[in-house]
PDB file of N, CA and C in Angstrom:
ATOM      1  N   MET A   1      62.930  50.713 -38.555  1.00  0.00           N
ATOM      2  CA  MET A   1      63.525  51.652 -37.624  1.00  0.00           C
ATOM      3  C   MET A   1      65.026  51.705 -37.849  1.00  0.00           C
ATOM      4  N   THR A   2      65.600  52.851 -37.671  1.00  0.00           N
ATOM      5  CA  THR A   2      67.032  53.009 -37.891  1.00  0.00           C
ATOM      6  C   THR A   2      67.841  52.712 -36.638  1.00  0.00           C
ATOM      7  N   GLY A   3      67.197  52.649 -35.498  1.00  0.00           N
ATOM      8  CA  GLY A   3      67.914  52.421 -34.248  1.00  0.00           C
ATOM      9  C   GLY A   3      68.005  53.672 -33.410  1.00  0.00           C
ATOM     10  N   GLY A   4      67.661  54.805 -33.962  1.00  0.00           N
ATOM     11  CA  GLY A   4      67.689  56.048 -33.206  1.00  0.00           C
ATOM     12  C   GLY A   4      66.433  56.268 -32.387  1.00  0.00           C
ATOM     13  N   GLN A   5      65.383  55.509 -32.690  1.00  0.00           N
ATOM     14  CA  GLN A   5      64.130  55.636 -31.972  1.00  0.00           C
ATOM     15  C   GLN A   5      64.059  54.614 -30.836  1.00  0.00           C
ATOM     16  N   ASP A   6      63.384  54.996 -29.764  1.00  0.00           N
ATOM     17  CA  ASP A   6      63.165  54.049 -28.678  1.00  0.00           C
ATOM     18  C   ASP A   6      62.042  53.098 -29.058  1.00  0.00           C
ATOM     19  N   SER A   7      62.189  51.847 -28.656  1.00  0.00           N
ATOM     20  CA  SER A   7      61.181  50.835 -28.944  1.00  0.00           C
ATOM     21  C   SER A   7      61.276  49.752 -27.885  1.00  0.00           C
ATOM     22  N   ALA A   8      60.154  49.167 -27.570  1.00  0.00           N
ATOM     23  CA  ALA A   8      60.152  48.056 -26.609  1.00  0.00           C
ATOM     24  C   ALA A   8      60.922  46.855 -27.155  1.00  0.00           C
ATOM     25  N   GLY A   9      61.084  46.783 -28.473  1.00  0.00           N
ATOM     26  CA  GLY A   9      61.781  45.656 -29.088  1.00  0.00           C
ATOM     27  C   GLY A   9      63.251  45.880 -29.357  1.00  0.00           C
ATOM     28  N   THR A  10      63.759  47.081 -29.060  1.00  0.00           N
ATOM     29  CA  THR A  10      65.150  47.385 -29.350  1.00  0.00           C
ATOM     30  C   THR A  10      66.076  46.375 -28.673  1.00  0.00           C
ATOM     31  N   ASN A  11      66.970  45.813 -29.449  1.00  0.00           N
ATOM     32  CA  ASN A  11      67.953  44.813 -28.994  1.00  0.00           C
ATOM     33  C   ASN A  11      67.318  43.548 -28.428  1.00  0.00           C
ATOM     34  N   LYS A  12      66.082  43.292 -28.791  1.00  0.00           N
ATOM     35  CA  LYS A  12      65.394  42.093 -28.326  1.00  0.00           C
ATOM     36  C   LYS A  12      64.908  41.234 -29.486  1.00  0.00           C
ATOM     37  N   PHE A  13      65.363  41.547 -30.691  1.00  0.00           N
ATOM     38  CA  PHE A  13      64.859  40.834 -31.864  1.00  0.00           C
ATOM     39  C   PHE A  13      65.164  39.338 -31.793  1.00  0.00           C
ATOM     40  N   GLU A  14      66.363  38.990 -31.327  1.00  0.00           N
ATOM     41  CA  GLU A  14      66.705  37.570 -31.216  1.00  0.00           C
ATOM     42  C   GLU A  14      65.778  36.875 -30.233  1.00  0.00           C
ATOM     43  N   ALA A  15      65.530  37.505 -29.082  1.00  0.00           N
ATOM     44  CA  ALA A  15      64.652  36.908 -28.076  1.00  0.00           C
ATOM     45  C   ALA A  15      63.230  36.757 -28.614  1.00  0.00           C
ATOM     46  N   ILE A  16      62.764  37.739 -29.360  1.00  0.00           N
ATOM     47  CA  ILE A  16      61.433  37.660 -29.957  1.00  0.00           C
ATOM     48  C   ILE A  16      61.372  36.491 -30.931  1.00  0.00           C
ATOM     49  N   CYS A  17      62.390  36.355 -31.779  1.00  0.00           N
ATOM     50  CA  CYS A  17      62.423  35.253 -32.749  1.00  0.00           C
ATOM     51  C   CYS A  17      62.477  33.907 -32.048  1.00  0.00           C
ATOM     52  N   ARG A  18      63.288  33.799 -30.994  1.00  0.00           N
ATOM     53  CA  ARG A  18      63.364  32.541 -30.243  1.00  0.00           C
ATOM     54  C   ARG A  18      62.011  32.232 -29.610  1.00  0.00           C
ATOM     55  N   GLY A  19      61.354  33.259 -29.099  1.00  0.00           N
ATOM     56  CA  GLY A  19      60.037  33.074 -28.503  1.00  0.00           C
ATOM     57  C   GLY A  19      59.005  32.586 -29.504  1.00  0.00           C
ATOM     58  N   LEU A  20      59.226  32.872 -30.776  1.00  0.00           N
ATOM     59  CA  LEU A  20      58.343  32.403 -31.838  1.00  0.00           C
ATOM     60  C   LEU A  20      58.759  31.039 -32.374  1.00  0.00           C
ATOM     61  N   GLY A  21      59.812  30.453 -31.764  1.00  0.00           N
ATOM     62  CA  GLY A  21      60.223  29.103 -32.130  1.00  0.00           C
ATOM     63  C   GLY A  21      61.434  28.994 -33.028  1.00  0.00           C
ATOM     64  N   MET A  22      62.092  30.113 -33.343  1.00  0.00           N
ATOM     65  CA  MET A  22      63.294  30.062 -34.181  1.00  0.00           C
ATOM     66  C   MET A  22      64.430  29.376 -33.432  1.00  0.00           C
ATOM     67  N   THR A  23      65.212  28.608 -34.165  1.00  0.00           N
ATOM     68  CA  THR A  23      66.403  28.011 -33.572  1.00  0.00           C
ATOM     69  C   THR A  23      67.599  28.906 -33.875  1.00  0.00           C
ATOM     70  N   ASP A  24      68.616  28.853 -33.028  1.00  0.00           N
ATOM     71  CA  ASP A  24      69.816  29.664 -33.234  1.00  0.00           C
ATOM     72  C   ASP A  24      70.530  29.310 -34.543  1.00  0.00           C
ATOM     73  N   GLU A  25      70.346  28.078 -34.994  1.00  0.00           N
ATOM     74  CA  GLU A  25      71.013  27.632 -36.221  1.00  0.00           C
ATOM     75  C   GLU A  25      70.620  28.485 -37.429  1.00  0.00           C
ATOM     76  N   HIS A  26      69.396  28.999 -37.429  1.00  0.00           N
ATOM     77  CA  HIS A  26      68.926  29.788 -38.563  1.00  0.00           C
ATOM     78  C   HIS A  26      68.468  31.181 -38.153  1.00  0.00           C
ATOM     79  N   LEU A  27      69.043  31.664 -37.063  1.00  0.00           N
ATOM     80  CA  LEU A  27      68.827  33.027 -36.581  1.00  0.00           C
ATOM     81  C   LEU A  27      70.193  33.703 -36.591  1.00  0.00           C
ATOM     82  N   LYS A  28      70.423  34.532 -37.586  1.00  0.00           N
ATOM     83  CA  LYS A  28      71.749  35.124 -37.805  1.00  0.00           C
ATOM     84  C   LYS A  28      71.709  36.631 -37.577  1.00  0.00           C
ATOM     85  N   VAL A  29      72.752  37.145 -36.945  1.00  0.00           N
ATOM     86  CA  VAL A  29      72.928  38.590 -36.768  1.00  0.00           C
ATOM     87  C   VAL A  29      74.185  38.977 -37.536  1.00  0.00           C
ATOM     88  N   VAL A  30      74.062  39.969 -38.422  1.00  0.00           N
ATOM     89  CA  VAL A  30      75.201  40.427 -39.213  1.00  0.00           C
ATOM     90  C   VAL A  30      75.392  41.922 -39.007  1.00  0.00           C
ATOM     91  N   VAL A  31      76.619  42.368 -39.185  1.00  0.00           N
ATOM     92  CA  VAL A  31      76.945  43.798 -39.105  1.00  0.00           C
ATOM     93  C   VAL A  31      77.173  44.280 -40.535  1.00  0.00           C
ATOM     94  N   PRO A  32      76.233  45.087 -41.065  1.00  0.00           N
ATOM     95  CA  PRO A  32      76.324  45.488 -42.467  1.00  0.00           C
ATOM     96  C   PRO A  32      77.386  46.556 -42.728  1.00  0.00           C
ATOM     97  N   LEU A  33      78.611  46.093 -42.840  1.00  0.00           N
ATOM     98  CA  LEU A  33      79.749  46.940 -43.185  1.00  0.00           C
ATOM     99  C   LEU A  33      80.409  46.347 -44.428  1.00  0.00           C
ATOM    100  N   PRO A  34      81.018  47.188 -45.256  1.00  0.00           N
ATOM    101  CA  PRO A  34      81.665  46.657 -46.466  1.00  0.00           C
ATOM    102  C   PRO A  34      82.647  45.520 -46.189  1.00  0.00           C
ATOM    103  N   LYS A  35      83.393  45.609 -45.103  1.00  0.00           N
ATOM    104  CA  LYS A  35      84.377  44.562 -44.808  1.00  0.00           C
ATOM    105  C   LYS A  35      83.723  43.217 -44.488  1.00  0.00           C
ATOM    106  N   ASN A  36      82.439  43.223 -44.146  1.00  0.00           N
ATOM    107  CA  ASN A  36      81.732  41.992 -43.787  1.00  0.00           C
ATOM    108  C   ASN A  36      80.929  41.395 -44.940  1.00  0.00           C
ATOM    109  N   MET A  37      81.007  41.995 -46.123  1.00  0.00           N
ATOM    110  CA  MET A  37      80.179  41.544 -47.236  1.00  0.00           C
ATOM    111  C   MET A  37      80.400  40.087 -47.632  1.00  0.00           C
ATOM    112  N   PRO A  38      81.628  39.574 -47.642  1.00  0.00           N
ATOM    113  CA  PRO A  38      81.771  38.143 -47.977  1.00  0.00           C
ATOM    114  C   PRO A  38      81.012  37.250 -46.986  1.00  0.00           C
ATOM    115  N   GLU A  39      81.114  37.556 -45.710  1.00  0.00           N
ATOM    116  CA  GLU A  39      80.405  36.773 -44.681  1.00  0.00           C
ATOM    117  C   GLU A  39      78.890  36.914 -44.854  1.00  0.00           C
ATOM    118  N   ILE A  40      78.422  38.150 -45.046  1.00  0.00           N
ATOM    119  CA  ILE A  40      76.983  38.397 -45.196  1.00  0.00           C
ATOM    120  C   ILE A  40      76.446  37.684 -46.437  1.00  0.00           C
ATOM    121  N   THR A  41      77.200  37.741 -47.525  1.00  0.00           N
ATOM    122  CA  THR A  41      76.787  37.072 -48.756  1.00  0.00           C
ATOM    123  C   THR A  41      76.640  35.571 -48.523  1.00  0.00           C
ATOM    124  N   GLN A  42      77.588  34.980 -47.799  1.00  0.00           N
ATOM    125  CA  GLN A  42      77.514  33.546 -47.522  1.00  0.00           C
ATOM    126  C   GLN A  42      76.329  33.219 -46.618  1.00  0.00           C
ATOM    127  N   VAL A  43      76.112  34.029 -45.595  1.00  0.00           N
ATOM    128  CA  VAL A  43      74.967  33.814 -44.699  1.00  0.00           C
ATOM    129  C   VAL A  43      73.668  33.872 -45.500  1.00  0.00           C
ATOM    130  N   MET A  44      73.553  34.872 -46.372  1.00  0.00           N
ATOM    131  CA  MET A  44      72.339  35.004 -47.177  1.00  0.00           C
ATOM    132  C   MET A  44      72.151  33.804 -48.100  1.00  0.00           C
ATOM    133  N   ARG A  45      73.220  33.365 -48.726  1.00  0.00           N
ATOM    134  CA  ARG A  45      73.127  32.188 -49.605  1.00  0.00           C
ATOM    135  C   ARG A  45      72.686  30.958 -48.820  1.00  0.00           C
ATOM    136  N   ASP A  46      73.312  30.751 -47.666  1.00  0.00           N
ATOM    137  CA  ASP A  46      72.971  29.590 -46.842  1.00  0.00           C
ATOM    138  C   ASP A  46      71.503  29.622 -46.431  1.00  0.00           C
ATOM    139  N   GLU A  47      71.030  30.776 -46.009  1.00  0.00           N
ATOM    140  CA  GLU A  47      69.653  30.862 -45.519  1.00  0.00           C
ATOM    141  C   GLU A  47      68.629  30.828 -46.648  1.00  0.00           C
ATOM    142  N   ILE A  48      68.971  31.337 -47.818  1.00  0.00           N
ATOM    143  CA  ILE A  48      68.067  31.218 -48.974  1.00  0.00           C
ATOM    144  C   ILE A  48      67.919  29.754 -49.369  1.00  0.00           C
ATOM    145  N   ASN A  49      69.008  29.008 -49.283  1.00  0.00           N
ATOM    146  CA  ASN A  49      68.974  27.587 -49.651  1.00  0.00           C
ATOM    147  C   ASN A  49      68.348  26.704 -48.582  1.00  0.00           C
ATOM    148  N   TYR A  50      68.214  27.204 -47.365  1.00  0.00           N
ATOM    149  CA  TYR A  50      67.586  26.440 -46.285  1.00  0.00           C
ATOM    150  C   TYR A  50      66.087  26.343 -46.549  1.00  0.00           C
ATOM    151  N   ARG A  51      65.548  25.152 -46.464  1.00  0.00           N
ATOM    152  CA  ARG A  51      64.120  24.958 -46.721  1.00  0.00           C
ATOM    153  C   ARG A  51      63.353  25.025 -45.405  1.00  0.00           C
ATOM    154  N   GLY A  52      63.237  26.218 -44.910  1.00  0.00           N
ATOM    155  CA  GLY A  52      62.525  26.455 -43.662  1.00  0.00           C
ATOM    156  C   GLY A  52      62.590  27.941 -43.349  1.00  0.00           C
ATOM    157  N   THR A  53      62.158  28.270 -42.172  1.00  0.00           N
ATOM    158  CA  THR A  53      62.169  29.668 -41.760  1.00  0.00           C
ATOM    159  C   THR A  53      63.538  30.048 -41.227  1.00  0.00           C
ATOM    160  N   SER A  54      64.019  31.186 -41.666  1.00  0.00           N
ATOM    161  CA  SER A  54      65.274  31.714 -41.144  1.00  0.00           C
ATOM    162  C   SER A  54      65.123  33.227 -41.022  1.00  0.00           C
ATOM    163  N   VAL A  55      65.929  33.798 -40.145  1.00  0.00           N
ATOM    164  CA  VAL A  55      65.897  35.239 -39.911  1.00  0.00           C
ATOM    165  C   VAL A  55      67.324  35.757 -39.933  1.00  0.00           C
ATOM    166  N   ILE A  56      67.544  36.841 -40.675  1.00  0.00           N
ATOM    167  CA  ILE A  56      68.837  37.529 -40.688  1.00  0.00           C
ATOM    168  C   ILE A  56      68.589  38.932 -40.167  1.00  0.00           C
ATOM    169  N   ILE A  57      69.258  39.273 -39.083  1.00  0.00           N
ATOM    170  CA  ILE A  57      69.087  40.586 -38.461  1.00  0.00           C
ATOM    171  C   ILE A  57      70.337  41.418 -38.740  1.00  0.00           C
ATOM    172  N   PRO A  58      70.207  42.485 -39.532  1.00  0.00           N
ATOM    173  CA  PRO A  58      71.348  43.392 -39.710  1.00  0.00           C
ATOM    174  C   PRO A  58      71.397  44.350 -38.525  1.00  0.00           C
ATOM    175  N   ARG A  59      72.530  44.450 -37.877  1.00  0.00           N
ATOM    176  CA  ARG A  59      72.633  45.301 -36.689  1.00  0.00           C
ATOM    177  C   ARG A  59      73.834  46.230 -36.830  1.00  0.00           C
ATOM    178  N   ARG A  60      73.527  47.521 -36.794  1.00  0.00           N
ATOM    179  CA  ARG A  60      74.557  48.550 -36.871  1.00  0.00           C
ATOM    180  C   ARG A  60      73.959  49.834 -36.320  1.00  0.00           C
ATOM    181  N   GLU A  61      74.783  50.615 -35.678  1.00  0.00           N
ATOM    182  CA  GLU A  61      74.291  51.875 -35.135  1.00  0.00           C
ATOM    183  C   GLU A  61      73.844  52.798 -36.261  1.00  0.00           C
ATOM    184  N   CYS A  62      72.726  53.474 -36.046  1.00  0.00           N
ATOM    185  CA  CYS A  62      72.223  54.458 -37.004  1.00  0.00           C
ATOM    186  C   CYS A  62      73.306  55.508 -37.243  1.00  0.00           C
ATOM    187  N   MET A  63      73.504  55.883 -38.495  1.00  0.00           N
ATOM    188  CA  MET A  63      74.556  56.853 -38.828  1.00  0.00           C
ATOM    189  C   MET A  63      74.302  58.208 -38.170  1.00  0.00           C
ATOM    190  N   GLN A  64      73.043  58.628 -38.068  1.00  0.00           N
ATOM    191  CA  GLN A  64      72.743  59.895 -37.407  1.00  0.00           C
ATOM    192  C   GLN A  64      73.059  59.815 -35.921  1.00  0.00           C
ATOM    193  N   THR A  65      72.721  58.706 -35.301  1.00  0.00           N
ATOM    194  CA  THR A  65      73.027  58.514 -33.884  1.00  0.00           C
ATOM    195  C   THR A  65      74.534  58.447 -33.680  1.00  0.00           C
ATOM    196  N   LEU A  66      75.235  57.753 -34.562  1.00  0.00           N
ATOM    197  CA  LEU A  66      76.690  57.658 -34.475  1.00  0.00           C
ATOM    198  C   LEU A  66      77.327  59.044 -34.548  1.00  0.00           C
ATOM    199  N   GLN A  67      76.891  59.860 -35.500  1.00  0.00           N
ATOM    200  CA  GLN A  67      77.435  61.217 -35.633  1.00  0.00           C
ATOM    201  C   GLN A  67      77.184  62.021 -34.358  1.00  0.00           C
ATOM    202  N   ARG A  68      75.994  61.885 -33.793  1.00  0.00           N
ATOM    203  CA  ARG A  68      75.666  62.587 -32.548  1.00  0.00           C
ATOM    204  C   ARG A  68      76.582  62.130 -31.417  1.00  0.00           C
ATOM    205  N   HIS A  69      76.817  60.827 -31.303  1.00  0.00           N
ATOM    206  CA  HIS A  69      77.705  60.298 -30.257  1.00  0.00           C
ATOM    207  C   HIS A  69      79.145  60.788 -30.447  1.00  0.00           C
ATOM    208  N   LEU A  70      79.609  60.797 -31.687  1.00  0.00           N
ATOM    209  CA  LEU A  70      80.969  61.279 -31.951  1.00  0.00           C
ATOM    210  C   LEU A  70      81.110  62.756 -31.607  1.00  0.00           C
ATOM    211  N   LYS A  71      80.102  63.535 -31.914  1.00  0.00           N
ATOM    212  CA  LYS A  71      80.110  64.961 -31.609  1.00  0.00           C
ATOM    213  C   LYS A  71      80.140  65.184 -30.090  1.00  0.00           C
ATOM    214  N   GLN A  72      79.346  64.413 -29.365  1.00  0.00           N
ATOM    215  CA  GLN A  72      79.330  64.510 -27.901  1.00  0.00           C
ATOM    216  C   GLN A  72      80.685  64.106 -27.314  1.00  0.00           C
ATOM    217  N   LYS A  73      81.285  63.065 -27.862  1.00  0.00           N
ATOM    218  CA  LYS A  73      82.588  62.604 -27.376  1.00  0.00           C
ATOM    219  C   LYS A  73      83.660  63.666 -27.604  1.00  0.00           C
ATOM    220  N   LYS A  74      83.639  64.292 -28.780  1.00  0.00           N
ATOM    221  CA  LYS A  74      84.594  65.369 -29.077  1.00  0.00           C
ATOM    222  C   LYS A  74      84.433  66.525 -28.097  1.00  0.00           C
ATOM    223  N   ALA A  75      83.187  66.887 -27.803  1.00  0.00           N
ATOM    224  CA  ALA A  75      82.920  67.985 -26.883  1.00  0.00           C
ATOM    225  C   ALA A  75      83.441  67.648 -25.490  1.00  0.00           C
ATOM    226  N   GLN A  76      83.279  66.419 -25.044  1.00  0.00           N
ATOM    227  CA  GLN A  76      83.772  66.008 -23.734  1.00  0.00           C
ATOM    228  C   GLN A  76      85.298  66.023 -23.687  1.00  0.00           C
ATOM    229  N   GLU A  77      85.919  65.568 -24.772  1.00  0.00           N
ATOM    230  CA  GLU A  77      87.381  65.559 -24.820  1.00  0.00           C
ATOM    231  C   GLU A  77      87.929  66.967 -24.837  1.00  0.00           C
ATOM    232  N   ALA A  78      87.233  67.898 -25.471  1.00  0.00           N
ATOM    233  CA  ALA A  78      87.672  69.281 -25.524  1.00  0.00           C
ATOM    234  C   ALA A  78      87.614  69.942 -24.152  1.00  0.00           C
ATOM    235  N   LYS A  79      86.678  69.506 -23.307  1.00  0.00           N
ATOM    236  CA  LYS A  79      86.534  70.060 -21.952  1.00  0.00           C
ATOM    237  C   LYS A  79      87.685  69.619 -21.053  1.00  0.00           C
ATOM    238  N   GLN A  80      88.285  68.473 -21.359  1.00  0.00           N
ATOM    239  CA  GLN A  80      89.328  67.908 -20.497  1.00  0.00           C
ATOM    240  C   GLN A  80      90.647  68.526 -20.730  1.00  0.00           C
TER     241      GLN A  80
END
């Protein structure tokens, strides 16, 4: 899912993973932006080398949803 669709699991992935027994130590949330690539690369390396279950959740607003929000914001600012 890109994040533009409604889902019962939206923004609950960490809670779902914890409910399945994941520890916070190996449950990582990253923001996939170019400026964060060094951090993301290190997180991925660390978790690949971990001999157990780990989860990496990339979280970023869907680009289509972002464009829609920006367009709505511009329209509101134009009304003011």
